[in-house]
Protein backbone atom coordinates (compact mmCIF):
# COMPACT_ATOMS: atom_id res chain seq x y z
CA UNK A 1 94.26 57.89 -94.33
CA UNK A 2 93.01 54.30 -94.37
CA UNK A 3 93.48 53.90 -90.66
CA UNK A 4 91.26 56.96 -89.99
CA UNK A 5 88.45 55.48 -92.11
CA UNK A 6 88.36 52.37 -89.96
CA UNK A 7 88.11 54.22 -86.68
CA UNK A 8 84.34 54.92 -86.78
CA UNK A 9 83.65 51.27 -87.56
CA UNK A 10 85.93 50.09 -84.77
CA UNK A 11 84.44 52.61 -82.36
CA UNK A 12 80.95 51.45 -83.16
CA UNK A 13 81.95 47.80 -82.71
CA UNK A 14 83.58 48.61 -79.36
CA UNK A 15 80.51 50.50 -78.20
CA UNK A 16 78.27 47.60 -79.17
CA UNK A 17 80.54 45.16 -77.34
CA UNK A 18 80.49 47.33 -74.23
CA UNK A 19 76.69 47.50 -74.32
CA UNK A 20 76.44 43.72 -74.66
CA UNK A 21 78.86 43.25 -71.76
CA UNK A 22 76.88 45.65 -69.62
CA UNK A 23 73.66 43.80 -70.47
CA UNK A 24 75.23 40.49 -69.43
CA UNK A 25 76.32 41.98 -66.13
CA UNK A 26 72.90 43.45 -65.44
CA UNK A 27 71.13 40.22 -66.37
CA UNK A 28 73.31 38.31 -63.91
CA UNK A 29 73.36 40.92 -61.15
CA UNK A 30 71.87 38.47 -58.68
CA UNK A 31 74.31 35.71 -59.52
CA UNK A 32 77.13 35.14 -57.01
CA UNK A 33 80.53 33.99 -58.19
CA UNK A 34 82.11 31.26 -56.06
CA UNK A 35 85.36 33.01 -55.18
CA UNK A 36 86.48 30.01 -53.15
CA UNK A 37 86.84 27.08 -55.60
CA UNK A 38 87.36 24.72 -52.65
CA UNK A 39 83.84 25.41 -51.44
CA UNK A 40 81.69 22.29 -52.13
CA UNK A 41 78.90 24.54 -53.39
CA UNK A 42 81.20 25.84 -56.14
CA UNK A 43 81.37 22.49 -57.95
CA UNK A 44 77.84 22.77 -59.31
CA UNK A 45 78.56 26.27 -60.60
CA UNK A 46 81.64 25.18 -62.51
CA UNK A 47 79.93 22.04 -63.82
CA UNK A 48 77.12 24.14 -65.22
CA UNK A 49 79.62 26.56 -66.74
CA UNK A 50 81.51 23.71 -68.41
CA UNK A 51 78.26 22.34 -69.82
CA UNK A 52 77.34 25.72 -71.26
CA UNK A 53 80.74 26.10 -72.88
CA UNK A 54 80.63 22.57 -74.28
CA UNK A 55 77.13 23.14 -75.66
CA UNK A 56 78.07 26.38 -77.36
CA UNK A 57 81.33 25.22 -78.97
CA UNK A 58 81.98 22.36 -81.39
CA UNK A 59 84.24 19.76 -79.82
CA UNK A 60 86.97 20.03 -82.48
CA UNK A 61 87.04 23.83 -82.21
CA UNK A 62 87.09 23.72 -78.41
CA UNK A 63 89.98 21.24 -78.43
CA UNK A 64 91.87 23.42 -80.89
CA UNK A 65 91.48 26.53 -78.73
CA UNK A 66 92.43 24.59 -75.60
CA UNK A 67 95.60 23.27 -77.23
CA UNK A 68 96.51 26.73 -78.50
CA UNK A 69 95.99 28.24 -75.05
CA UNK A 70 98.08 25.52 -73.42
CA UNK A 71 100.92 26.12 -75.88
CA UNK A 72 100.85 29.88 -75.28
CA UNK A 73 100.91 29.41 -71.51
CA UNK A 74 103.87 27.03 -71.80
CA UNK A 75 105.73 29.61 -73.86
CA UNK A 76 104.94 32.37 -71.38
CA UNK A 77 106.15 30.30 -68.41
CA UNK A 78 109.32 29.39 -70.31
CA UNK A 79 109.97 33.09 -70.94
CA UNK A 80 109.41 33.91 -67.26
CA UNK A 81 111.74 31.11 -66.14
CA UNK A 82 114.43 32.24 -68.58
CA UNK A 83 114.16 35.83 -67.35
CA UNK A 84 114.39 34.75 -63.70
CA UNK A 85 117.41 32.57 -64.39
CA UNK A 86 119.12 35.40 -66.28
CA UNK A 87 118.47 37.81 -63.40
CA UNK A 88 119.82 35.34 -60.85
CA UNK A 89 122.93 34.67 -62.90
CA UNK A 90 123.54 38.40 -63.38
CA UNK A 91 123.17 39.03 -59.64
CA UNK A 92 125.28 36.08 -58.57
CA UNK A 93 128.87 37.10 -57.76
CA UNK A 94 131.60 34.92 -59.22
CA UNK A 95 135.31 34.58 -58.70
CA UNK A 96 137.62 35.63 -61.49
CA UNK A 97 140.02 33.24 -63.17
CA UNK A 98 142.89 34.87 -61.28
CA UNK A 99 141.10 34.27 -57.99
CA UNK A 100 140.60 30.62 -58.88
CA UNK A 101 144.27 30.26 -59.78
CA UNK A 102 145.40 31.78 -56.52
CA UNK A 103 142.93 29.68 -54.57
CA UNK A 104 144.13 26.42 -56.12
CA UNK A 105 147.76 27.35 -55.60
CA UNK A 106 147.20 28.23 -51.97
CA UNK A 107 145.28 25.11 -51.02
CA UNK A 108 146.67 22.60 -53.52
CA UNK A 109 148.63 20.79 -50.82
CA UNK A 110 145.73 20.82 -48.34
CA UNK A 111 142.83 19.43 -50.36
CA UNK A 112 142.53 17.31 -53.55
CA UNK A 113 141.82 19.47 -56.59
CA UNK A 114 138.59 17.63 -57.40
CA UNK A 115 137.19 18.32 -53.93
CA UNK A 116 138.43 21.91 -54.07
CA UNK A 117 136.70 22.49 -57.42
CA UNK A 118 133.48 21.03 -56.04
CA UNK A 119 133.78 23.26 -52.99
CA UNK A 120 134.20 26.32 -55.20
CA UNK A 121 131.17 25.37 -57.30
CA UNK A 122 128.95 24.81 -54.29
CA UNK A 123 130.15 28.03 -52.65
CA UNK A 124 129.31 30.06 -55.74
CA UNK A 125 125.82 28.57 -55.84
CA UNK A 126 125.39 29.35 -52.14
CA UNK A 127 126.59 32.91 -52.62
CA UNK A 128 123.83 33.54 -55.15
CA UNK A 129 121.16 32.70 -52.57
CA UNK A 130 119.72 35.08 -49.98
CA UNK A 131 120.48 32.70 -47.09
CA UNK A 132 122.56 33.54 -44.03
CA UNK A 133 126.32 33.15 -43.98
CA UNK A 134 126.03 30.02 -41.83
CA UNK A 135 123.64 28.51 -44.41
CA UNK A 136 126.05 29.41 -47.21
CA UNK A 137 128.97 27.79 -45.41
CA UNK A 138 127.09 24.56 -44.74
CA UNK A 139 125.79 24.42 -48.32
CA UNK A 140 129.34 24.95 -49.62
CA UNK A 141 130.89 22.02 -47.74
CA UNK A 142 127.96 19.58 -47.68
CA UNK A 143 129.07 17.67 -50.80
CA UNK A 144 132.71 17.65 -49.73
CA UNK A 145 131.81 16.20 -46.32
CA UNK A 146 129.09 13.64 -47.14
CA UNK A 147 129.47 11.82 -43.81
CA UNK A 148 128.58 14.90 -41.80
CA UNK A 149 125.04 15.86 -40.86
CA UNK A 150 123.82 19.42 -41.23
CA UNK A 151 123.33 19.88 -37.47
CA UNK A 152 126.97 19.04 -36.77
CA UNK A 153 128.17 21.21 -39.66
CA UNK A 154 126.22 24.18 -38.30
CA UNK A 155 127.95 23.78 -34.92
CA UNK A 156 131.40 23.84 -36.56
CA UNK A 157 130.37 26.66 -38.93
CA UNK A 158 129.38 29.10 -36.17
CA UNK A 159 132.84 30.61 -35.49
CA UNK A 160 133.40 30.98 -39.25
CA UNK A 161 129.99 32.57 -39.77
CA UNK A 162 130.18 35.06 -36.91
CA UNK A 163 133.76 36.22 -37.49
CA UNK A 164 134.06 39.72 -38.93
CA UNK A 165 135.55 40.27 -42.35
CA UNK A 166 138.95 41.72 -43.28
CA UNK A 167 141.49 41.31 -40.45
CA UNK A 168 139.34 38.98 -38.35
CA UNK A 169 138.59 36.84 -41.39
CA UNK A 170 142.28 36.51 -42.22
CA UNK A 171 143.12 35.67 -38.63
CA UNK A 172 140.36 33.06 -38.57
CA UNK A 173 141.56 31.46 -41.80
CA UNK A 174 145.19 31.36 -40.71
CA UNK A 175 144.20 30.05 -37.30
CA UNK A 176 142.09 27.31 -38.86
CA UNK A 177 144.92 26.33 -41.19
CA UNK A 178 147.38 26.18 -38.31
CA UNK A 179 145.00 24.00 -36.30
CA UNK A 180 144.90 21.42 -39.11
CA UNK A 181 147.92 19.19 -39.56
CA UNK A 182 149.83 19.57 -42.81
CA UNK A 183 149.05 16.07 -43.88
CA UNK A 184 147.37 14.53 -46.91
CA UNK A 185 143.61 14.99 -46.97
CA UNK A 186 143.03 11.27 -46.44
CA UNK A 187 145.21 11.30 -43.33
CA UNK A 188 143.31 14.11 -41.62
CA UNK A 189 140.64 13.42 -39.04
CA UNK A 190 137.03 14.11 -39.99
CA UNK A 191 136.99 17.21 -37.75
CA UNK A 192 140.17 18.52 -39.37
CA UNK A 193 138.66 17.98 -42.83
CA UNK A 194 135.51 19.82 -41.77
CA UNK A 195 137.41 22.77 -40.24
CA UNK A 196 139.64 23.06 -43.29
CA UNK A 197 136.66 22.91 -45.67
CA UNK A 198 134.73 25.56 -43.74
CA UNK A 199 137.78 27.83 -43.60
CA UNK A 200 138.27 27.60 -47.37
CA UNK A 201 134.54 28.12 -47.95
CA UNK A 202 134.58 31.27 -45.83
CA UNK A 203 137.62 32.49 -47.78
CA UNK A 204 135.82 31.90 -51.12
CA UNK A 205 132.67 33.69 -49.95
CA UNK A 206 134.64 36.71 -48.72
CA UNK A 207 136.76 36.86 -51.87
CA UNK A 208 133.63 36.93 -54.02
CA UNK A 209 132.52 40.13 -52.28
CA UNK A 210 135.77 42.01 -52.80
């Protein structure tokens, strides 16, 4: 076969390359590589290396190889980023359409739909992170409550973060809803808006894990 006939030639070329590499290593056995690039003494080493490369390569050819390498690296990083984003999206739990419908129906008279949709979006983004439940709650309501600072939100989020799931979670949600007046969102106090938002956020986070 044709591939078999090329093997001796390739083997000889590889052997020659290995011998040349070994010779280079032995010739530079006393040379020390500056493993710490921040070391001031390393600058002279790299300057000399750049001069040797520049002297041994034509400028146009060197520029061409540098551009090609830069393009390949950009493509590799883009592939890595795309793979990471796909993995995160696959791992991120999401609510079904039925869950959204039930959520909007349940809280339609407690919060404007635009704010509720924003709360759902932020909660889903928070769920995909590896942060604590308190962090997820604060991240979920931050955009809905722009006048609140994170420190104050964390104080209000504690009872919602430390409550157990299932029965305790339902009791907490119902208790929070009862503690907020059944008034229009604009007529609620800032604390009532915050408690209602955190209760809904906790409900969304728990529903996403069902």
